[in-house]
Amino acid sequence: MPDETITIGNKTFEVACQEGEEAYLHAAAALLDAEARQLIEQIGRLPEARMLLMAGLMLADKVAGSEERAQVLETELEAARAEIARLRSMPAPEATRVEVPVVPQAVADTLAELTARAEALADQVDERR
């Protein structure tokens, strides 16, 4: 069991932890240290026990808020999953038939003939200028 040195609120502590847990210990100590430093900045010098107690309570308050928010998000996630499941279980909508009018070939031929005549007339006008 390794002994690790951590610093909380400018105070050094020797702590034992399980093999391989050193990084977690230092991360947790850093969180507690941040709260302790905030207390020291606001209040000034505090007895060690009071500083650790208040920093721990502040950290616990943040954790409780995070757990409450996580619960709200889990509830919202479950509602979203239920809605997705409901939508997936619905039958596919029936295809809607859309009719597109078709121009009869005779009309298309007549329009092509009129276009050709108009172009011929435009060419004659251009030649007379």
N, C-alpha and C. Protein backbone atom coordinates (compact mmCIF):
# COMPACT_ATOMS: atom_id res chain seq x y z
N MET A 1 0.85 -1.16 0.00
CA MET A 1 0.00 0.00 0.00
C MET A 1 0.90 1.24 0.00
N PRO A 2 0.91 1.99 -1.12
CA PRO A 2 1.81 3.14 -1.21
C PRO A 2 1.35 4.31 -0.34
N ASP A 3 2.33 5.01 0.20
CA ASP A 3 2.06 6.24 0.93
C ASP A 3 2.23 7.39 -0.04
N GLU A 4 1.25 8.27 -0.06
CA GLU A 4 1.27 9.42 -0.96
C GLU A 4 1.22 10.70 -0.14
N THR A 5 1.82 11.74 -0.66
CA THR A 5 1.80 13.04 -0.02
C THR A 5 0.84 13.93 -0.81
N ILE A 6 -0.13 14.48 -0.11
CA ILE A 6 -1.08 15.40 -0.74
C ILE A 6 -1.07 16.71 0.02
N THR A 7 -1.49 17.77 -0.65
CA THR A 7 -1.56 19.09 -0.01
C THR A 7 -2.97 19.61 -0.14
N ILE A 8 -3.52 19.99 1.00
CA ILE A 8 -4.86 20.56 1.03
C ILE A 8 -4.80 21.83 1.87
N GLY A 9 -5.16 22.93 1.26
CA GLY A 9 -5.16 24.20 1.98
C GLY A 9 -3.80 24.55 2.55
N ASN A 10 -2.77 24.38 1.78
CA ASN A 10 -1.39 24.68 2.18
C ASN A 10 -0.89 23.78 3.32
N LYS A 11 -1.57 22.69 3.58
CA LYS A 11 -1.14 21.74 4.61
C LYS A 11 -0.85 20.41 3.91
N THR A 12 0.24 19.77 4.33
CA THR A 12 0.66 18.53 3.70
C THR A 12 0.23 17.34 4.56
N PHE A 13 -0.24 16.30 3.89
CA PHE A 13 -0.71 15.10 4.58
C PHE A 13 -0.10 13.88 3.90
N GLU A 14 0.24 12.88 4.71
CA GLU A 14 0.69 11.59 4.21
C GLU A 14 -0.51 10.65 4.27
N VAL A 15 -0.84 10.04 3.14
CA VAL A 15 -2.00 9.17 3.08
C VAL A 15 -1.63 7.87 2.37
N ALA A 16 -2.20 6.79 2.82
CA ALA A 16 -2.00 5.50 2.16
C ALA A 16 -3.17 5.24 1.22
N CYS A 17 -2.88 4.57 0.12
CA CYS A 17 -3.94 4.21 -0.82
C CYS A 17 -3.62 2.86 -1.44
N GLN A 18 -4.57 2.29 -2.12
CA GLN A 18 -4.38 1.01 -2.80
C GLN A 18 -3.43 1.20 -3.99
N GLU A 19 -2.71 0.15 -4.30
CA GLU A 19 -1.81 0.16 -5.45
C GLU A 19 -2.62 0.48 -6.71
N GLY A 20 -2.15 1.42 -7.50
CA GLY A 20 -2.83 1.80 -8.74
C GLY A 20 -3.86 2.90 -8.55
N GLU A 21 -4.16 3.27 -7.32
CA GLU A 21 -5.18 4.29 -7.04
C GLU A 21 -4.56 5.68 -6.79
N GLU A 22 -3.26 5.80 -6.98
CA GLU A 22 -2.58 7.05 -6.66
C GLU A 22 -3.15 8.24 -7.45
N ALA A 23 -3.41 8.04 -8.72
CA ALA A 23 -3.92 9.14 -9.56
C ALA A 23 -5.29 9.59 -9.06
N TYR A 24 -6.13 8.65 -8.66
CA TYR A 24 -7.45 9.00 -8.14
C TYR A 24 -7.34 9.77 -6.83
N LEU A 25 -6.41 9.35 -5.98
CA LEU A 25 -6.19 10.03 -4.72
C LEU A 25 -5.77 11.47 -4.96
N HIS A 26 -4.83 11.68 -5.88
CA HIS A 26 -4.36 13.03 -6.16
C HIS A 26 -5.46 13.89 -6.80
N ALA A 27 -6.28 13.29 -7.63
CA ALA A 27 -7.40 14.03 -8.24
C ALA A 27 -8.40 14.46 -7.18
N ALA A 28 -8.73 13.54 -6.26
CA ALA A 28 -9.67 13.87 -5.18
C ALA A 28 -9.08 14.94 -4.26
N ALA A 29 -7.78 14.80 -3.97
CA ALA A 29 -7.12 15.79 -3.12
C ALA A 29 -7.12 17.16 -3.78
N ALA A 30 -6.95 17.20 -5.10
CA ALA A 30 -6.96 18.48 -5.82
C ALA A 30 -8.33 19.15 -5.72
N LEU A 31 -9.40 18.37 -5.79
CA LEU A 31 -10.75 18.93 -5.63
C LEU A 31 -10.93 19.52 -4.24
N LEU A 32 -10.52 18.76 -3.24
CA LEU A 32 -10.65 19.22 -1.85
C LEU A 32 -9.76 20.44 -1.62
N ASP A 33 -8.57 20.43 -2.20
CA ASP A 33 -7.64 21.56 -2.07
C ASP A 33 -8.24 22.82 -2.68
N ALA A 34 -8.90 22.71 -3.81
CA ALA A 34 -9.52 23.88 -4.45
C ALA A 34 -10.56 24.51 -3.52
N GLU A 35 -11.35 23.67 -2.88
CA GLU A 35 -12.36 24.20 -1.94
C GLU A 35 -11.68 24.83 -0.73
N ALA A 36 -10.65 24.18 -0.21
CA ALA A 36 -9.94 24.70 0.96
C ALA A 36 -9.28 26.04 0.64
N ARG A 37 -8.68 26.16 -0.52
CA ARG A 37 -8.04 27.42 -0.91
C ARG A 37 -9.07 28.54 -1.03
N GLN A 38 -10.24 28.19 -1.54
CA GLN A 38 -11.32 29.19 -1.65
C GLN A 38 -11.73 29.67 -0.26
N LEU A 39 -11.84 28.75 0.68
CA LEU A 39 -12.16 29.12 2.07
C LEU A 39 -11.09 30.03 2.67
N ILE A 40 -9.84 29.66 2.46
CA ILE A 40 -8.73 30.44 3.02
C ILE A 40 -8.72 31.85 2.44
N GLU A 41 -9.02 31.97 1.14
CA GLU A 41 -9.09 33.29 0.52
C GLU A 41 -10.22 34.13 1.10
N GLN A 42 -11.35 33.50 1.39
CA GLN A 42 -12.52 34.22 1.89
C GLN A 42 -12.42 34.53 3.38
N ILE A 43 -11.98 33.54 4.17
CA ILE A 43 -12.02 33.66 5.62
C ILE A 43 -10.66 33.98 6.21
N GLY A 44 -9.65 33.47 5.60
CA GLY A 44 -8.31 33.63 6.15
C GLY A 44 -7.88 32.33 6.81
N ARG A 45 -7.02 32.43 7.78
CA ARG A 45 -6.49 31.24 8.44
C ARG A 45 -7.57 30.53 9.25
N LEU A 46 -7.60 29.22 9.09
CA LEU A 46 -8.58 28.38 9.80
C LEU A 46 -7.85 27.22 10.48
N PRO A 47 -8.40 26.74 11.58
CA PRO A 47 -7.84 25.52 12.15
C PRO A 47 -7.98 24.38 11.13
N GLU A 48 -7.00 23.49 11.12
CA GLU A 48 -6.95 22.41 10.14
C GLU A 48 -8.25 21.61 10.08
N ALA A 49 -8.77 21.21 11.23
CA ALA A 49 -9.98 20.39 11.26
C ALA A 49 -11.16 21.15 10.67
N ARG A 50 -11.30 22.42 11.01
CA ARG A 50 -12.42 23.23 10.51
C ARG A 50 -12.28 23.44 9.00
N MET A 51 -11.07 23.70 8.54
CA MET A 51 -10.83 23.89 7.12
C MET A 51 -11.22 22.62 6.35
N LEU A 52 -10.78 21.47 6.82
CA LEU A 52 -11.09 20.21 6.14
C LEU A 52 -12.59 19.92 6.17
N LEU A 53 -13.23 20.20 7.32
CA LEU A 53 -14.67 19.97 7.44
C LEU A 53 -15.43 20.86 6.47
N MET A 54 -15.14 22.14 6.46
CA MET A 54 -15.88 23.07 5.60
C MET A 54 -15.60 22.80 4.12
N ALA A 55 -14.34 22.51 3.78
CA ALA A 55 -14.02 22.19 2.39
C ALA A 55 -14.73 20.91 1.95
N GLY A 56 -14.77 19.93 2.84
CA GLY A 56 -15.48 18.68 2.54
C GLY A 56 -16.96 18.90 2.35
N LEU A 57 -17.55 19.76 3.19
CA LEU A 57 -18.98 20.06 3.07
C LEU A 57 -19.28 20.81 1.76
N MET A 58 -18.41 21.74 1.40
CA MET A 58 -18.61 22.47 0.14
C MET A 58 -18.51 21.52 -1.05
N LEU A 59 -17.56 20.63 -0.99
CA LEU A 59 -17.40 19.64 -2.07
C LEU A 59 -18.60 18.69 -2.11
N ALA A 60 -19.05 18.27 -0.95
CA ALA A 60 -20.22 17.38 -0.87
C ALA A 60 -21.46 18.07 -1.43
N ASP A 61 -21.59 19.37 -1.18
CA ASP A 61 -22.72 20.13 -1.72
C ASP A 61 -22.69 20.13 -3.25
N LYS A 62 -21.50 20.31 -3.81
CA LYS A 62 -21.37 20.27 -5.28
C LYS A 62 -21.72 18.89 -5.82
N VAL A 63 -21.26 17.86 -5.13
CA VAL A 63 -21.56 16.49 -5.56
C VAL A 63 -23.06 16.23 -5.50
N ALA A 64 -23.71 16.68 -4.41
CA ALA A 64 -25.15 16.48 -4.28
C ALA A 64 -25.90 17.19 -5.40
N GLY A 65 -25.47 18.41 -5.74
CA GLY A 65 -26.09 19.14 -6.85
C GLY A 65 -25.89 18.42 -8.17
N SER A 66 -24.70 17.87 -8.36
CA SER A 66 -24.42 17.12 -9.59
C SER A 66 -25.25 15.85 -9.66
N GLU A 67 -25.41 15.18 -8.54
CA GLU A 67 -26.23 13.96 -8.53
C GLU A 67 -27.69 14.29 -8.82
N GLU A 68 -28.17 15.39 -8.28
CA GLU A 68 -29.56 15.81 -8.53
C GLU A 68 -29.75 16.12 -10.01
N ARG A 69 -28.80 16.85 -10.58
CA ARG A 69 -28.87 17.19 -12.01
C ARG A 69 -28.78 15.92 -12.86
N ALA A 70 -27.93 15.00 -12.46
CA ALA A 70 -27.80 13.73 -13.19
C ALA A 70 -29.12 12.96 -13.16
N GLN A 71 -29.81 12.99 -12.04
CA GLN A 71 -31.10 12.31 -11.93
C GLN A 71 -32.14 12.93 -12.87
N VAL A 72 -32.15 14.27 -12.92
CA VAL A 72 -33.07 14.96 -13.83
C VAL A 72 -32.74 14.58 -15.28
N LEU A 73 -31.47 14.56 -15.62
CA LEU A 73 -31.06 14.21 -16.98
C LEU A 73 -31.40 12.76 -17.31
N GLU A 74 -31.25 11.87 -16.34
CA GLU A 74 -31.61 10.46 -16.57
C GLU A 74 -33.11 10.33 -16.83
N THR A 75 -33.91 11.08 -16.10
CA THR A 75 -35.35 11.06 -16.31
C THR A 75 -35.69 11.58 -17.70
N GLU A 76 -35.05 12.68 -18.11
CA GLU A 76 -35.28 13.22 -19.44
C GLU A 76 -34.82 12.24 -20.52
N LEU A 77 -33.70 11.57 -20.28
CA LEU A 77 -33.19 10.59 -21.24
C LEU A 77 -34.17 9.43 -21.40
N GLU A 78 -34.70 8.94 -20.30
CA GLU A 78 -35.66 7.84 -20.38
C GLU A 78 -36.91 8.27 -21.13
N ALA A 79 -37.37 9.50 -20.90
CA ALA A 79 -38.54 10.00 -21.63
C ALA A 79 -38.23 10.09 -23.12
N ALA A 80 -37.04 10.55 -23.47
CA ALA A 80 -36.65 10.64 -24.88
C ALA A 80 -36.57 9.26 -25.50
N ARG A 81 -36.00 8.30 -24.78
CA ARG A 81 -35.91 6.93 -25.29
C ARG A 81 -37.29 6.33 -25.50
N ALA A 82 -38.22 6.60 -24.57
CA ALA A 82 -39.58 6.10 -24.71
C ALA A 82 -40.25 6.72 -25.94
N GLU A 83 -40.04 8.00 -26.16
CA GLU A 83 -40.62 8.67 -27.33
C GLU A 83 -40.03 8.10 -28.62
N ILE A 84 -38.73 7.85 -28.64
CA ILE A 84 -38.10 7.24 -29.82
C ILE A 84 -38.68 5.86 -30.08
N ALA A 85 -38.83 5.08 -29.02
CA ALA A 85 -39.41 3.73 -29.18
C ALA A 85 -40.84 3.82 -29.70
N ARG A 86 -41.61 4.78 -29.20
CA ARG A 86 -43.00 4.96 -29.64
C ARG A 86 -43.03 5.31 -31.12
N LEU A 87 -42.17 6.24 -31.52
CA LEU A 87 -42.15 6.67 -32.92
C LEU A 87 -41.69 5.54 -33.84
N ARG A 88 -40.74 4.74 -33.38
CA ARG A 88 -40.26 3.62 -34.20
C ARG A 88 -41.31 2.53 -34.34
N SER A 89 -42.15 2.40 -33.34
CA SER A 89 -43.16 1.34 -33.39
C SER A 89 -44.39 1.72 -34.21
N MET A 90 -44.49 2.98 -34.55
CA MET A 90 -45.64 3.42 -35.35
C MET A 90 -45.50 2.88 -36.77
N PRO A 91 -46.63 2.57 -37.39
CA PRO A 91 -46.55 2.10 -38.78
C PRO A 91 -46.07 3.25 -39.68
N ALA A 92 -45.42 2.86 -40.75
CA ALA A 92 -44.94 3.87 -41.70
C ALA A 92 -46.14 4.55 -42.34
N PRO A 93 -46.05 5.82 -42.60
CA PRO A 93 -47.19 6.51 -43.22
C PRO A 93 -47.42 5.97 -44.62
N GLU A 94 -48.69 5.98 -45.02
CA GLU A 94 -49.02 5.50 -46.36
C GLU A 94 -48.48 6.48 -47.39
N ALA A 95 -48.04 5.91 -48.49
CA ALA A 95 -47.52 6.75 -49.56
C ALA A 95 -48.64 7.59 -50.14
N THR A 96 -48.35 8.81 -50.43
CA THR A 96 -49.34 9.70 -51.03
C THR A 96 -49.09 9.75 -52.52
N ARG A 97 -50.14 9.52 -53.26
CA ARG A 97 -50.00 9.53 -54.72
C ARG A 97 -50.06 10.98 -55.19
N VAL A 98 -49.07 11.34 -55.96
CA VAL A 98 -49.02 12.68 -56.53
C VAL A 98 -49.11 12.54 -58.04
N GLU A 99 -50.10 13.20 -58.61
CA GLU A 99 -50.27 13.12 -60.06
C GLU A 99 -49.66 14.36 -60.69
N VAL A 100 -48.82 14.12 -61.67
CA VAL A 100 -48.18 15.20 -62.40
C VAL A 100 -48.84 15.28 -63.76
N PRO A 101 -49.37 16.44 -64.11
CA PRO A 101 -50.03 16.53 -65.43
C PRO A 101 -49.00 16.32 -66.54
N VAL A 102 -49.41 15.59 -67.54
CA VAL A 102 -48.54 15.30 -68.67
C VAL A 102 -49.03 16.13 -69.85
N VAL A 103 -48.09 16.81 -70.48
CA VAL A 103 -48.44 17.62 -71.65
C VAL A 103 -48.60 16.67 -72.83
N PRO A 104 -49.75 16.70 -73.48
CA PRO A 104 -49.95 15.82 -74.64
C PRO A 104 -48.93 16.12 -75.74
N GLN A 105 -48.55 15.10 -76.45
CA GLN A 105 -47.52 15.24 -77.49
C GLN A 105 -47.94 16.25 -78.55
N ALA A 106 -49.22 16.28 -78.91
CA ALA A 106 -49.71 17.21 -79.94
C ALA A 106 -49.46 18.65 -79.50
N VAL A 107 -49.66 18.94 -78.22
CA VAL A 107 -49.43 20.29 -77.71
C VAL A 107 -47.94 20.60 -77.76
N ALA A 108 -47.11 19.65 -77.36
CA ALA A 108 -45.67 19.86 -77.41
C ALA A 108 -45.21 20.11 -78.84
N ASP A 109 -45.76 19.37 -79.80
CA ASP A 109 -45.40 19.56 -81.21
C ASP A 109 -45.82 20.94 -81.70
N THR A 110 -47.02 21.36 -81.33
CA THR A 110 -47.51 22.67 -81.73
C THR A 110 -46.64 23.77 -81.14
N LEU A 111 -46.26 23.63 -79.87
CA LEU A 111 -45.39 24.63 -79.24
C LEU A 111 -44.03 24.69 -79.93
N ALA A 112 -43.50 23.53 -80.32
CA ALA A 112 -42.22 23.48 -81.02
C ALA A 112 -42.33 24.18 -82.38
N GLU A 113 -43.45 23.96 -83.10
CA GLU A 113 -43.66 24.60 -84.40
C GLU A 113 -43.78 26.11 -84.25
N LEU A 114 -44.52 26.56 -83.20
CA LEU A 114 -44.66 28.00 -82.96
C LEU A 114 -43.32 28.63 -82.61
N THR A 115 -42.51 27.90 -81.84
CA THR A 115 -41.18 28.40 -81.48
C THR A 115 -40.32 28.56 -82.72
N ALA A 116 -40.37 27.57 -83.60
CA ALA A 116 -39.59 27.64 -84.84
C ALA A 116 -40.02 28.82 -85.69
N ARG A 117 -41.35 29.07 -85.80
CA ARG A 117 -41.86 30.19 -86.57
C ARG A 117 -41.41 31.53 -85.97
N ALA A 118 -41.48 31.60 -84.63
CA ALA A 118 -41.08 32.84 -83.96
C ALA A 118 -39.60 33.11 -84.18
N GLU A 119 -38.79 32.10 -84.15
CA GLU A 119 -37.36 32.27 -84.38
C GLU A 119 -37.10 32.70 -85.83
N ALA A 120 -37.87 32.12 -86.78
CA ALA A 120 -37.71 32.49 -88.19
C ALA A 120 -38.08 33.94 -88.39
N LEU A 121 -39.16 34.39 -87.74
CA LEU A 121 -39.57 35.78 -87.85
C LEU A 121 -38.52 36.70 -87.22
N ALA A 122 -37.95 36.28 -86.10
CA ALA A 122 -36.93 37.08 -85.46
C ALA A 122 -35.70 37.20 -86.35
N ASP A 123 -35.38 36.13 -87.07
CA ASP A 123 -34.21 36.17 -87.99
C ASP A 123 -34.51 37.15 -89.14
N GLN A 124 -35.76 37.14 -89.67
CA GLN A 124 -36.13 38.04 -90.76
C GLN A 124 -36.04 39.49 -90.30
N VAL A 125 -36.47 39.77 -89.09
CA VAL A 125 -36.39 41.13 -88.54
C VAL A 125 -34.95 41.56 -88.41
N ASP A 126 -34.08 40.65 -87.93
CA ASP A 126 -32.67 40.96 -87.79
C ASP A 126 -32.02 41.26 -89.15
N GLU A 127 -32.44 40.53 -90.21
CA GLU A 127 -31.86 40.70 -91.55
C GLU A 127 -32.25 42.07 -92.13
N ARG A 128 -33.42 42.60 -91.80
CA ARG A 128 -33.91 43.86 -92.34
C ARG A 128 -33.28 45.04 -91.63
N ARG A 129 -32.66 44.88 -90.57
CA ARG A 129 -32.07 46.00 -89.81
C ARG A 129 -30.80 46.40 -90.39
